[in-house]
PDB file of N, CA and C in Angstrom:
ATOM      1  N   MET A   1       0.775  -0.873   0.211  1.00  0.00           N
ATOM      2  CA  MET A   1      -0.190  -0.227   0.290  1.00  0.00           C
ATOM      3  C   MET A   1       1.038   1.020  -0.033  1.00  0.00           C
ATOM      4  N   GLU A   2       0.377   1.740  -0.771  1.00  0.00           N
ATOM      5  CA  GLU A   2       1.753   2.971  -0.941  1.00  0.00           C
ATOM      6  C   GLU A   2       1.114   4.146   0.125  1.00  0.00           C
ATOM      7  N   ILE A   3       2.095   4.730   0.210  1.00  0.00           N
ATOM      8  CA  ILE A   3       2.023   5.408   1.379  1.00  0.00           C
ATOM      9  C   ILE A   3       1.368   7.374   0.502  1.00  0.00           C
ATOM     10  N   LYS A   4       0.510   8.086   1.425  1.00  0.00           N
ATOM     11  CA  LYS A   4       0.242   9.330   0.752  1.00  0.00           C
ATOM     12  C   LYS A   4       0.965  10.652   1.316  1.00  0.00           C
ATOM     13  N   LYS A   5       1.481  10.920   0.439  1.00  0.00           N
ATOM     14  CA  LYS A   5       2.343  12.466   1.513  1.00  0.00           C
ATOM     15  C   LYS A   5       1.532  13.158   1.356  1.00  0.00           C
ATOM     16  N   LYS A   6       1.999  14.468   3.074  1.00  0.00           N
ATOM     17  CA  LYS A   6       0.817  15.029   3.560  1.00  0.00           C
ATOM     18  C   LYS A   6       0.344  16.200   3.013  1.00  0.00           C
ATOM     19  N   LEU A   7      -1.095  17.518   3.218  1.00  0.00           N
ATOM     20  CA  LEU A   7      -0.757  18.253   3.094  1.00  0.00           C
ATOM     21  C   LEU A   7      -1.292  18.896   3.908  1.00  0.00           C
ATOM     22  N   LEU A   8      -0.940  20.167   4.223  1.00  0.00           N
ATOM     23  CA  LEU A   8      -1.658  20.589   5.497  1.00  0.00           C
ATOM     24  C   LEU A   8      -2.167  22.042   5.186  1.00  0.00           C
ATOM     25  N   ILE A   9      -3.494  22.119   6.091  1.00  0.00           N
ATOM     26  CA  ILE A   9      -3.802  23.240   4.737  1.00  0.00           C
ATOM     27  C   ILE A   9      -4.839  24.324   6.015  1.00  0.00           C
ATOM     28  N   LEU A  10      -3.699  25.708   5.931  1.00  0.00           N
ATOM     29  CA  LEU A  10      -4.384  26.093   7.224  1.00  0.00           C
ATOM     30  C   LEU A  10      -5.370  27.216   6.610  1.00  0.00           C
ATOM     31  N   GLU A  11      -6.365  26.855   6.937  1.00  0.00           N
ATOM     32  CA  GLU A  11      -7.590  27.951   6.368  1.00  0.00           C
ATOM     33  C   GLU A  11      -9.165  28.281   7.087  1.00  0.00           C
ATOM     34  N   ASP A  12      -9.334  29.871   7.839  1.00  0.00           N
ATOM     35  CA  ASP A  12     -10.575  30.139   8.248  1.00  0.00           C
ATOM     36  C   ASP A  12     -11.817  30.075   7.881  1.00  0.00           C
ATOM     37  N   ASP A  13     -11.709  29.238   6.136  1.00  0.00           N
ATOM     38  CA  ASP A  13     -12.613  29.098   6.423  1.00  0.00           C
ATOM     39  C   ASP A  13     -13.572  27.766   6.153  1.00  0.00           C
ATOM     40  N   ARG A  14     -14.241  28.180   6.532  1.00  0.00           N
ATOM     41  CA  ARG A  14     -14.662  26.260   7.051  1.00  0.00           C
ATOM     42  C   ARG A  14     -14.616  26.157   5.011  1.00  0.00           C
ATOM     43  N   ILE A  15     -16.107  26.422   4.569  1.00  0.00           N
ATOM     44  CA  ILE A  15     -16.581  25.976   3.410  1.00  0.00           C
ATOM     45  C   ILE A  15     -15.179  25.614   2.533  1.00  0.00           C
ATOM     46  N   SER A  16     -14.677  26.727   1.924  1.00  0.00           N
ATOM     47  CA  SER A  16     -13.252  26.286   1.596  1.00  0.00           C
ATOM     48  C   SER A  16     -11.849  25.181   1.760  1.00  0.00           C
ATOM     49  N   CYS A  17     -11.916  24.842   2.830  1.00  0.00           N
ATOM     50  CA  CYS A  17     -11.335  23.606   3.692  1.00  0.00           C
ATOM     51  C   CYS A  17     -12.192  22.330   3.198  1.00  0.00           C
ATOM     52  N   ILE A  18     -13.494  22.630   3.337  1.00  0.00           N
ATOM     53  CA  ILE A  18     -15.064  21.108   2.762  1.00  0.00           C
ATOM     54  C   ILE A  18     -14.094  21.191   1.531  1.00  0.00           C
ATOM     55  N   MET A  19     -14.067  22.739  -0.097  1.00  0.00           N
ATOM     56  CA  MET A  19     -13.400  21.686  -1.100  1.00  0.00           C
ATOM     57  C   MET A  19     -11.997  21.683  -1.365  1.00  0.00           C
ATOM     58  N   TYR A  20     -10.998  22.508  -0.529  1.00  0.00           N
ATOM     59  CA  TYR A  20      -9.928  21.819  -1.109  1.00  0.00           C
ATOM     60  C   TYR A  20      -9.674  19.884  -0.323  1.00  0.00           C
ATOM     61  N   GLN A  21      -9.961  19.400   0.803  1.00  0.00           N
ATOM     62  CA  GLN A  21     -10.290  18.321   1.555  1.00  0.00           C
ATOM     63  C   GLN A  21     -11.537  16.942   0.120  1.00  0.00           C
ATOM     64  N   ALA A  22     -11.541  17.782  -0.300  1.00  0.00           N
ATOM     65  CA  ALA A  22     -12.241  17.026  -0.910  1.00  0.00           C
ATOM     66  C   ALA A  22     -11.852  17.133  -2.609  1.00  0.00           C
ATOM     67  N   HIS A  23     -11.278  18.645  -2.677  1.00  0.00           N
ATOM     68  CA  HIS A  23     -10.501  17.612  -4.161  1.00  0.00           C
ATOM     69  C   HIS A  23      -9.174  17.192  -4.361  1.00  0.00           C
ATOM     70  N   PHE A  24      -8.390  17.273  -2.879  1.00  0.00           N
ATOM     71  CA  PHE A  24      -6.949  18.116  -2.620  1.00  0.00           C
ATOM     72  C   PHE A  24      -6.984  15.502  -2.231  1.00  0.00           C
ATOM     73  N   GLY A  25      -7.851  15.268  -1.364  1.00  0.00           N
ATOM     74  CA  GLY A  25      -8.003  13.769  -0.693  1.00  0.00           C
ATOM     75  C   GLY A  25      -7.470  12.921  -1.688  1.00  0.00           C
ATOM     76  N   ASP A  26      -8.542  12.865  -2.893  1.00  0.00           N
ATOM     77  CA  ASP A  26      -7.598  12.154  -3.393  1.00  0.00           C
ATOM     78  C   ASP A  26      -6.420  11.900  -3.976  1.00  0.00           C
ATOM     79  N   PHE A  27      -5.339  12.891  -4.128  1.00  0.00           N
ATOM     80  CA  PHE A  27      -3.730  13.020  -4.093  1.00  0.00           C
ATOM     81  C   PHE A  27      -3.443  12.352  -2.952  1.00  0.00           C
ATOM     82  N   TYR A  28      -3.202  13.120  -2.212  1.00  0.00           N
ATOM     83  CA  TYR A  28      -2.436  13.469  -0.069  1.00  0.00           C
ATOM     84  C   TYR A  28      -3.134  13.214   1.037  1.00  0.00           C
ATOM     85  N   GLU A  29      -3.052  12.312   1.816  1.00  0.00           N
ATOM     86  CA  GLU A  29      -3.569  12.976   3.557  1.00  0.00           C
ATOM     87  C   GLU A  29      -2.957  14.209   3.745  1.00  0.00           C
ATOM     88  N   VAL A  30      -5.084  15.188   3.833  1.00  0.00           N
ATOM     89  CA  VAL A  30      -4.655  16.347   3.304  1.00  0.00           C
ATOM     90  C   VAL A  30      -5.700  16.464   5.441  1.00  0.00           C
ATOM     91  N   ASP A  31      -5.191  17.383   5.822  1.00  0.00           N
ATOM     92  CA  ASP A  31      -5.318  17.515   7.086  1.00  0.00           C
ATOM     93  C   ASP A  31      -5.724  18.474   7.500  1.00  0.00           C
ATOM     94  N   VAL A  32      -6.443  19.920   8.073  1.00  0.00           N
ATOM     95  CA  VAL A  32      -6.778  21.381   8.123  1.00  0.00           C
ATOM     96  C   VAL A  32      -6.619  21.779   9.281  1.00  0.00           C
ATOM     97  N   VAL A  33      -5.952  22.786   9.187  1.00  0.00           N
ATOM     98  CA  VAL A  33      -5.851  23.621  11.097  1.00  0.00           C
ATOM     99  C   VAL A  33      -6.206  24.602  10.572  1.00  0.00           C
ATOM    100  N   HIS A  34      -7.425  25.341  11.789  1.00  0.00           N
ATOM    101  CA  HIS A  34      -8.573  26.813  11.295  1.00  0.00           C
ATOM    102  C   HIS A  34      -7.880  27.624  11.717  1.00  0.00           C
ATOM    103  N   ASN A  35      -6.833  27.567  12.826  1.00  0.00           N
ATOM    104  CA  ASN A  35      -6.075  29.381  13.836  1.00  0.00           C
ATOM    105  C   ASN A  35      -5.157  28.507  13.987  1.00  0.00           C
ATOM    106  N   ALA A  36      -4.324  29.593  14.830  1.00  0.00           N
ATOM    107  CA  ALA A  36      -3.103  29.889  15.337  1.00  0.00           C
ATOM    108  C   ALA A  36      -2.438  28.868  15.990  1.00  0.00           C
ATOM    109  N   LYS A  37      -2.530  29.404  16.373  1.00  0.00           N
ATOM    110  CA  LYS A  37      -3.112  27.959  18.428  1.00  0.00           C
ATOM    111  C   LYS A  37      -3.038  26.779  18.065  1.00  0.00           C
ATOM    112  N   ASP A  38      -4.340  26.187  17.384  1.00  0.00           N
ATOM    113  CA  ASP A  38      -3.759  24.665  16.028  1.00  0.00           C
ATOM    114  C   ASP A  38      -2.362  23.619  15.414  1.00  0.00           C
ATOM    115  N   PHE A  39      -2.812  25.117  14.715  1.00  0.00           N
ATOM    116  CA  PHE A  39      -1.671  25.201  13.801  1.00  0.00           C
ATOM    117  C   PHE A  39      -0.310  25.058  14.323  1.00  0.00           C
ATOM    118  N   LEU A  40       0.514  25.825  14.857  1.00  0.00           N
ATOM    119  CA  LEU A  40       1.413  25.471  16.135  1.00  0.00           C
ATOM    120  C   LEU A  40       1.615  24.045  17.150  1.00  0.00           C
ATOM    121  N   GLN A  41       0.076  23.190  18.238  1.00  0.00           N
ATOM    122  CA  GLN A  41       0.510  22.303  18.488  1.00  0.00           C
ATOM    123  C   GLN A  41       0.092  21.202  16.910  1.00  0.00           C
ATOM    124  N   TYR A  42       0.179  21.304  15.859  1.00  0.00           N
ATOM    125  CA  TYR A  42       0.349  20.383  14.834  1.00  0.00           C
ATOM    126  C   TYR A  42       1.222  20.549  14.361  1.00  0.00           C
ATOM    127  N   PHE A  43       2.383  21.632  14.380  1.00  0.00           N
ATOM    128  CA  PHE A  43       3.253  21.128  14.470  1.00  0.00           C
ATOM    129  C   PHE A  43       4.591  20.508  15.545  1.00  0.00           C
ATOM    130  N   LYS A  44       3.869  21.016  16.433  1.00  0.00           N
ATOM    131  CA  LYS A  44       4.240  19.772  17.117  1.00  0.00           C
ATOM    132  C   LYS A  44       4.384  18.392  17.807  1.00  0.00           C
ATOM    133  N   GLU A  45       3.445  17.655  16.274  1.00  0.00           N
ATOM    134  CA  GLU A  45       3.663  16.421  15.834  1.00  0.00           C
ATOM    135  C   GLU A  45       3.441  15.798  14.891  1.00  0.00           C
ATOM    136  N   ASN A  46       3.948  16.576  13.850  1.00  0.00           N
ATOM    137  CA  ASN A  46       3.716  16.746  13.073  1.00  0.00           C
ATOM    138  C   ASN A  46       4.529  16.779  11.580  1.00  0.00           C
ATOM    139  N   LYS A  47       4.940  16.466  10.918  1.00  0.00           N
ATOM    140  CA  LYS A  47       5.773  17.750   9.610  1.00  0.00           C
ATOM    141  C   LYS A  47       4.855  16.717   8.515  1.00  0.00           C
ATOM    142  N   PRO A  48       3.767  18.035   7.534  1.00  0.00           N
ATOM    143  CA  PRO A  48       3.569  17.365   6.315  1.00  0.00           C
ATOM    144  C   PRO A  48       4.611  18.254   5.572  1.00  0.00           C
ATOM    145  N   ASP A  49       4.418  16.997   4.248  1.00  0.00           N
ATOM    146  CA  ASP A  49       5.697  17.784   3.421  1.00  0.00           C
ATOM    147  C   ASP A  49       4.681  19.194   2.613  1.00  0.00           C
ATOM    148  N   ALA A  50       3.716  19.295   2.511  1.00  0.00           N
ATOM    149  CA  ALA A  50       2.767  20.705   2.393  1.00  0.00           C
ATOM    150  C   ALA A  50       2.640  21.529   2.944  1.00  0.00           C
ATOM    151  N   GLY A  51       2.408  23.092   2.979  1.00  0.00           N
ATOM    152  CA  GLY A  51       1.271  23.249   3.266  1.00  0.00           C
ATOM    153  C   GLY A  51       1.107  24.300   2.487  1.00  0.00           C
ATOM    154  N   LEU A  52      -0.040  24.686   2.682  1.00  0.00           N
ATOM    155  CA  LEU A  52      -0.987  25.886   1.701  1.00  0.00           C
ATOM    156  C   LEU A  52      -1.636  26.843   2.708  1.00  0.00           C
ATOM    157  N   ILE A  53      -1.014  28.246   3.283  1.00  0.00           N
ATOM    158  CA  ILE A  53      -1.241  28.769   4.467  1.00  0.00           C
ATOM    159  C   ILE A  53      -1.737  29.965   3.933  1.00  0.00           C
ATOM    160  N   ASP A  54      -3.435  29.866   4.018  1.00  0.00           N
ATOM    161  CA  ASP A  54      -4.156  31.429   4.046  1.00  0.00           C
ATOM    162  C   ASP A  54      -3.292  32.598   5.088  1.00  0.00           C
ATOM    163  N   VAL A  55      -2.908  33.934   4.634  1.00  0.00           N
ATOM    164  CA  VAL A  55      -2.414  34.610   5.303  1.00  0.00           C
ATOM    165  C   VAL A  55      -2.707  35.495   5.840  1.00  0.00           C
ATOM    166  N   ASN A  56      -4.771  35.669   6.066  1.00  0.00           N
ATOM    167  CA  ASN A  56      -5.573  36.299   6.525  1.00  0.00           C
ATOM    168  C   ASN A  56      -6.104  35.541   7.729  1.00  0.00           C
ATOM    169  N   ILE A  57      -5.611  34.307   8.046  1.00  0.00           N
ATOM    170  CA  ILE A  57      -6.593  33.863   9.297  1.00  0.00           C
ATOM    171  C   ILE A  57      -7.300  34.933  10.072  1.00  0.00           C
ATOM    172  N   LYS A  58      -8.842  34.984  10.575  1.00  0.00           N
ATOM    173  CA  LYS A  58      -8.740  35.533  11.485  1.00  0.00           C
ATOM    174  C   LYS A  58      -7.900  35.139  12.936  1.00  0.00           C
ATOM    175  N   ASP A  59      -7.631  36.365  13.490  1.00  0.00           N
ATOM    176  CA  ASP A  59      -6.536  35.509  14.572  1.00  0.00           C
ATOM    177  C   ASP A  59      -5.589  37.095  15.143  1.00  0.00           C
ATOM    178  N   PRO A  60      -6.061  37.820  15.753  1.00  0.00           N
ATOM    179  CA  PRO A  60      -5.772  38.313  16.382  1.00  0.00           C
ATOM    180  C   PRO A  60      -5.115  39.226  16.688  1.00  0.00           C
ATOM    181  N   GLU A  61      -3.942  38.383  16.867  1.00  0.00           N
ATOM    182  CA  GLU A  61      -2.759  38.537  16.868  1.00  0.00           C
ATOM    183  C   GLU A  61      -0.801  38.080  15.993  1.00  0.00           C
ATOM    184  N   TYR A  62      -1.927  36.995  15.364  1.00  0.00           N
ATOM    185  CA  TYR A  62      -1.027  36.446  14.045  1.00  0.00           C
ATOM    186  C   TYR A  62      -1.879  36.093  12.992  1.00  0.00           C
ATOM    187  N   THR A  63      -0.475  36.064  11.404  1.00  0.00           N
ATOM    188  CA  THR A  63      -1.126  36.008  10.373  1.00  0.00           C
ATOM    189  C   THR A  63      -0.503  34.117   9.902  1.00  0.00           C
ATOM    190  N   GLY A  64      -0.381  33.741   9.028  1.00  0.00           N
ATOM    191  CA  GLY A  64      -0.210  33.072   8.203  1.00  0.00           C
ATOM    192  C   GLY A  64       1.219  33.122   8.018  1.00  0.00           C
ATOM    193  N   ILE A  65       1.523  34.162   7.576  1.00  0.00           N
ATOM    194  CA  ILE A  65       2.449  33.894   7.828  1.00  0.00           C
ATOM    195  C   ILE A  65       3.673  33.936   9.135  1.00  0.00           C
ATOM    196  N   ASP A  66       3.088  35.215   9.894  1.00  0.00           N
ATOM    197  CA  ASP A  66       3.643  34.663  11.276  1.00  0.00           C
ATOM    198  C   ASP A  66       3.765  33.891  11.281  1.00  0.00           C
ATOM    199  N   LEU A  67       2.879  33.099  10.761  1.00  0.00           N
ATOM    200  CA  LEU A  67       3.150  31.358  12.080  1.00  0.00           C
ATOM    201  C   LEU A  67       3.638  30.482  11.303  1.00  0.00           C
ATOM    202  N   VAL A  68       4.254  30.860   9.730  1.00  0.00           N
ATOM    203  CA  VAL A  68       5.221  29.814   8.855  1.00  0.00           C
ATOM    204  C   VAL A  68       6.617  29.904  10.014  1.00  0.00           C
ATOM    205  N   LYS A  69       6.435  30.947   9.641  1.00  0.00           N
ATOM    206  CA  LYS A  69       7.968  32.491  10.421  1.00  0.00           C
ATOM    207  C   LYS A  69       8.109  31.293  11.404  1.00  0.00           C
ATOM    208  N   MET A  70       7.459  31.309  12.609  1.00  0.00           N
ATOM    209  CA  MET A  70       7.347  30.978  14.053  1.00  0.00           C
ATOM    210  C   MET A  70       7.980  29.846  13.813  1.00  0.00           C
ATOM    211  N   VAL A  71       7.469  28.200  12.875  1.00  0.00           N
ATOM    212  CA  VAL A  71       7.263  27.159  12.729  1.00  0.00           C
ATOM    213  C   VAL A  71       8.845  26.768  12.256  1.00  0.00           C
ATOM    214  N   LYS A  72       9.585  27.554  11.416  1.00  0.00           N
ATOM    215  CA  LYS A  72      10.487  27.435  10.401  1.00  0.00           C
ATOM    216  C   LYS A  72      11.414  28.390  11.713  1.00  0.00           C
ATOM    217  N   SER A  73      11.646  28.936  12.741  1.00  0.00           N
ATOM    218  CA  SER A  73      12.206  28.653  12.867  1.00  0.00           C
ATOM    219  C   SER A  73      12.721  27.572  14.874  1.00  0.00           C
ATOM    220  N   SER A  74      11.905  27.615  14.830  1.00  0.00           N
ATOM    221  CA  SER A  74      12.206  26.759  16.519  1.00  0.00           C
ATOM    222  C   SER A  74      12.143  25.330  15.677  1.00  0.00           C
ATOM    223  N   GLN A  75      11.922  25.492  13.562  1.00  0.00           N
ATOM    224  CA  GLN A  75      12.238  23.961  13.764  1.00  0.00           C
ATOM    225  C   GLN A  75      13.214  24.304  12.463  1.00  0.00           C
ATOM    226  N   PRO A  76      14.706  24.280  12.873  1.00  0.00           N
ATOM    227  CA  PRO A  76      15.333  24.437  11.929  1.00  0.00           C
ATOM    228  C   PRO A  76      14.941  23.261  10.952  1.00  0.00           C
ATOM    229  N   GLU A  77      15.236  22.557  10.992  1.00  0.00           N
ATOM    230  CA  GLU A  77      15.382  21.313   9.857  1.00  0.00           C
ATOM    231  C   GLU A  77      14.118  20.446   9.526  1.00  0.00           C
ATOM    232  N   LEU A  78      13.006  21.401   9.264  1.00  0.00           N
ATOM    233  CA  LEU A  78      11.767  21.420   9.043  1.00  0.00           C
ATOM    234  C   LEU A  78      11.823  20.914   7.463  1.00  0.00           C
ATOM    235  N   THR A  79      11.207  20.300   7.375  1.00  0.00           N
ATOM    236  CA  THR A  79      11.568  20.450   5.204  1.00  0.00           C
ATOM    237  C   THR A  79      10.042  20.905   4.736  1.00  0.00           C
ATOM    238  N   THR A  80       8.859  20.786   5.610  1.00  0.00           N
ATOM    239  CA  THR A  80       7.950  21.627   5.069  1.00  0.00           C
ATOM    240  C   THR A  80       8.071  22.184   3.609  1.00  0.00           C
ATOM    241  N   ASP A  81       7.877  22.047   2.630  1.00  0.00           N
ATOM    242  CA  ASP A  81       7.701  23.537   1.761  1.00  0.00           C
ATOM    243  C   ASP A  81       5.770  24.197   1.529  1.00  0.00           C
ATOM    244  N   PHE A  82       6.017  25.619   1.936  1.00  0.00           N
ATOM    245  CA  PHE A  82       4.735  26.172   2.222  1.00  0.00           C
ATOM    246  C   PHE A  82       4.695  26.913   0.432  1.00  0.00           C
ATOM    247  N   ILE A  83       2.898  26.805   0.112  1.00  0.00           N
ATOM    248  CA  ILE A  83       2.621  28.271  -0.773  1.00  0.00           C
ATOM    249  C   ILE A  83       1.560  28.886   0.182  1.00  0.00           C
ATOM    250  N   LEU A  84       1.613  30.833   0.061  1.00  0.00           N
ATOM    251  CA  LEU A  84       1.416  31.848   0.368  1.00  0.00           C
ATOM    252  C   LEU A  84       0.165  31.428  -0.389  1.00  0.00           C
ATOM    253  N   MET A  85      -1.630  31.981   0.733  1.00  0.00           N
ATOM    254  CA  MET A  85      -2.437  31.757  -0.128  1.00  0.00           C
ATOM    255  C   MET A  85      -3.120  33.295   0.415  1.00  0.00           C
ATOM    256  N   THR A  86      -3.496  34.259  -0.701  1.00  0.00           N
ATOM    257  CA  THR A  86      -3.722  35.382  -0.046  1.00  0.00           C
ATOM    258  C   THR A  86      -4.657  36.133  -1.738  1.00  0.00           C
ATOM    259  N   ALA A  87      -5.193  37.639  -1.251  1.00  0.00           N
ATOM    260  CA  ALA A  87      -6.624  38.321  -1.902  1.00  0.00           C
ATOM    261  C   ALA A  87      -4.590  39.418  -2.682  1.00  0.00           C
ATOM    262  N   TYR A  88      -3.800  39.737  -2.012  1.00  0.00           N
ATOM    263  CA  TYR A  88      -3.150  40.529  -1.993  1.00  0.00           C
ATOM    264  C   TYR A  88      -1.935  40.106  -3.493  1.00  0.00           C
ATOM    265  N   SER A  89      -1.842  40.858  -4.310  1.00  0.00           N
ATOM    266  CA  SER A  89      -1.151  40.726  -5.322  1.00  0.00           C
ATOM    267  C   SER A  89       0.660  41.086  -5.454  1.00  0.00           C
ATOM    268  N   LYS A  90       1.230  39.731  -6.340  1.00  0.00           N
ATOM    269  CA  LYS A  90       2.620  40.182  -5.526  1.00  0.00           C
ATOM    270  C   LYS A  90       3.045  41.090  -5.502  1.00  0.00           C
ATOM    271  N   SER A  91       2.854  42.445  -6.362  1.00  0.00           N
ATOM    272  CA  SER A  91       2.921  43.975  -5.494  1.00  0.00           C
ATOM    273  C   SER A  91       2.449  44.439  -4.609  1.00  0.00           C
ATOM    274  N   GLU A  92       1.652  43.871  -4.771  1.00  0.00           N
ATOM    275  CA  GLU A  92       0.712  44.815  -2.935  1.00  0.00           C
ATOM    276  C   GLU A  92       1.873  43.631  -1.437  1.00  0.00           C
ATOM    277  N   LEU A  93       2.068  42.860  -1.750  1.00  0.00           N
ATOM    278  CA  LEU A  93       2.526  42.075  -0.818  1.00  0.00           C
ATOM    279  C   LEU A  93       4.201  41.327  -0.809  1.00  0.00           C
ATOM    280  N   LYS A  94       4.995  40.855   0.057  1.00  0.00           N
ATOM    281  CA  LYS A  94       6.254  41.105  -0.636  1.00  0.00           C
ATOM    282  C   LYS A  94       6.055  39.145   0.189  1.00  0.00           C
ATOM    283  N   ILE A  95       6.717  38.759  -0.439  1.00  0.00           N
ATOM    284  CA  ILE A  95       5.996  37.191  -0.413  1.00  0.00           C
ATOM    285  C   ILE A  95       7.687  36.508   0.495  1.00  0.00           C
ATOM    286  N   PRO A  96       7.273  36.686   1.490  1.00  0.00           N
ATOM    287  CA  PRO A  96       8.711  35.956   2.632  1.00  0.00           C
ATOM    288  C   PRO A  96       9.269  35.126   1.738  1.00  0.00           C
ATOM    289  N   ASP A  97      10.237  34.912   2.125  1.00  0.00           N
ATOM    290  CA  ASP A  97      11.886  33.540   1.452  1.00  0.00           C
ATOM    291  C   ASP A  97      10.913  32.478   2.822  1.00  0.00           C
ATOM    292  N   GLU A  98      10.162  32.371   3.633  1.00  0.00           N
ATOM    293  CA  GLU A  98       9.890  31.057   4.172  1.00  0.00           C
ATOM    294  C   GLU A  98       8.737  30.056   3.367  1.00  0.00           C
ATOM    295  N   PHE A  99       8.365  30.810   2.257  1.00  0.00           N
ATOM    296  CA  PHE A  99       7.876  30.673   1.525  1.00  0.00           C
ATOM    297  C   PHE A  99       8.065  30.189  -0.199  1.00  0.00           C
ATOM    298  N   CYS A 100       7.732  29.101  -0.889  1.00  0.00           N
ATOM    299  CA  CYS A 100       8.496  28.576  -1.968  1.00  0.00           C
ATOM    300  C   CYS A 100       7.654  28.604  -2.737  1.00  0.00           C
ATOM    301  N   ASP A 101       5.640  29.775  -2.574  1.00  0.00           N
ATOM    302  CA  ASP A 101       5.174  29.774  -3.800  1.00  0.00           C
ATOM    303  C   ASP A 101       4.592  30.937  -3.017  1.00  0.00           C
ATOM    304  N   TYR A 102       3.194  31.158  -4.243  1.00  0.00           N
ATOM    305  CA  TYR A 102       2.341  31.806  -3.941  1.00  0.00           C
ATOM    306  C   TYR A 102       1.133  31.818  -4.866  1.00  0.00           C
ATOM    307  N   HIS A 103       0.152  31.042  -4.619  1.00  0.00           N
ATOM    308  CA  HIS A 103      -1.259  31.160  -4.676  1.00  0.00           C
ATOM    309  C   HIS A 103      -2.469  32.489  -4.977  1.00  0.00           C
ATOM    310  N   GLN A 104      -2.859  33.269  -5.916  1.00  0.00           N
ATOM    311  CA  GLN A 104      -3.864  34.467  -5.847  1.00  0.00           C
ATOM    312  C   GLN A 104      -4.840  33.651  -5.137  1.00  0.00           C
ATOM    313  N   LYS A 105      -5.831  34.276  -4.859  1.00  0.00           N
ATOM    314  CA  LYS A 105      -7.245  34.117  -4.244  1.00  0.00           C
ATOM    315  C   LYS A 105      -7.658  35.460  -5.566  1.00  0.00           C
ATOM    316  N   PRO A 106      -9.069  35.405  -6.155  1.00  0.00           N
ATOM    317  CA  PRO A 106      -9.539  33.312  -6.318  1.00  0.00           C
ATOM    318  C   PRO A 106      -9.050  32.531  -6.422  1.00  0.00           C
ATOM    319  N   ILE A 107      -9.114  31.709  -6.010  1.00  0.00           N
ATOM    320  CA  ILE A 107      -8.301  30.224  -6.000  1.00  0.00           C
ATOM    321  C   ILE A 107      -8.610  29.542  -7.186  1.00  0.00           C
ATOM    322  N   GLU A 108      -7.684  28.562  -8.401  1.00  0.00           N
ATOM    323  CA  GLU A 108      -7.817  28.261  -9.451  1.00  0.00           C
ATOM    324  C   GLU A 108      -7.712  27.017  -9.639  1.00  0.00           C
ATOM    325  N   LEU A 109      -8.433  25.882  -8.836  1.00  0.00           N
ATOM    326  CA  LEU A 109      -7.780  24.618  -8.939  1.00  0.00           C
ATOM    327  C   LEU A 109      -6.908  23.518  -9.283  1.00  0.00           C
ATOM    328  N   GLU A 110      -6.782  24.867 -10.424  1.00  0.00           N
ATOM    329  CA  GLU A 110      -6.177  23.859 -12.418  1.00  0.00           C
ATOM    330  C   GLU A 110      -4.868  24.099 -11.643  1.00  0.00           C
ATOM    331  N   ARG A 111      -4.477  25.565 -11.921  1.00  0.00           N
ATOM    332  CA  ARG A 111      -2.591  26.002 -11.223  1.00  0.00           C
ATOM    333  C   ARG A 111      -2.822  25.915 -10.213  1.00  0.00           C
ATOM    334  N   LEU A 112      -3.549  25.949  -8.717  1.00  0.00           N
ATOM    335  CA  LEU A 112      -3.139  25.304  -7.766  1.00  0.00           C
ATOM    336  C   LEU A 112      -3.224  24.283  -7.314  1.00  0.00           C
ATOM    337  N   THR A 113      -3.341  23.335  -7.810  1.00  0.00           N
ATOM    338  CA  THR A 113      -3.218  21.917  -7.868  1.00  0.00           C
ATOM    339  C   THR A 113      -1.970  21.065  -8.852  1.00  0.00           C
ATOM    340  N   ALA A 114      -1.743  22.243  -9.982  1.00  0.00           N
ATOM    341  CA  ALA A 114      -0.326  22.379 -10.215  1.00  0.00           C
ATOM    342  C   ALA A 114       1.367  22.365  -9.833  1.00  0.00           C
ATOM    343  N   GLN A 115       0.592  23.683  -8.946  1.00  0.00           N
ATOM    344  CA  GLN A 115       1.669  25.107  -8.086  1.00  0.00           C
ATOM    345  C   GLN A 115       1.724  23.239  -6.963  1.00  0.00           C
ATOM    346  N   ILE A 116       1.082  22.950  -6.451  1.00  0.00           N
ATOM    347  CA  ILE A 116       0.964  22.111  -4.932  1.00  0.00           C
ATOM    348  C   ILE A 116       2.389  20.089  -5.843  1.00  0.00           C
ATOM    349  N   LYS A 117       1.441  19.597  -6.418  1.00  0.00           N
ATOM    350  CA  LYS A 117       1.615  18.898  -7.085  1.00  0.00           C
ATOM    351  C   LYS A 117       3.658  18.881  -7.492  1.00  0.00           C
ATOM    352  N   SER A 118       3.723  20.063  -7.565  1.00  0.00           N
ATOM    353  CA  SER A 118       5.369  20.185  -8.601  1.00  0.00           C
ATOM    354  C   SER A 118       5.767  19.951  -7.524  1.00  0.00           C
ATOM    355  N   ILE A 119       5.316  20.354  -6.130  1.00  0.00           N
ATOM    356  CA  ILE A 119       6.145  20.770  -4.784  1.00  0.00           C
ATOM    357  C   ILE A 119       5.694  18.851  -3.694  1.00  0.00           C
ATOM    358  N   ILE A 120       5.506  19.695  -3.970  1.00  0.00           N
ATOM    359  CA  ILE A 120       4.994  17.473  -3.427  1.00  0.00           C
ATOM    360  C   ILE A 120       5.783  16.776  -3.639  1.00  0.00           C
ATOM    361  N   ASP A 121       5.699  16.282  -5.371  1.00  0.00           N
ATOM    362  CA  ASP A 121       6.181  14.768  -5.855  1.00  0.00           C
ATOM    363  C   ASP A 121       7.219  15.227  -6.680  1.00  0.00           C
ATOM    364  N   LYS A 122       8.312  15.705  -6.009  1.00  0.00           N
ATOM    365  CA  LYS A 122       9.747  16.636  -6.305  1.00  0.00           C
ATOM    366  C   LYS A 122      10.007  15.728  -5.590  1.00  0.00           C
TER     367      LYS A 122
END
């Protein structure tokens, strides 16, 4: 039996999460977290192959960017590749070095699938 690679999704919109799980679940083991607390806890126990990170989660203290920076700095051995999802254009938001790729909302599933496949199946 083939072991599926693991994709973590940080997204606070539950409808989007259902769509992502249904779409990517055919290819990967998909884990979803909705907030900063669950994201940080997840990385204490898991090391996904890739992460799809919403920049603007509904959290008063952290953005998705902040959380990835925290995890990467506390776990320098971490090999997870992260894709940033945002409504901002590249000219409006500098993409931090902690992210290997970027996807602007609204989400185009075909393009996002190709991005994740190129990262996770390398």
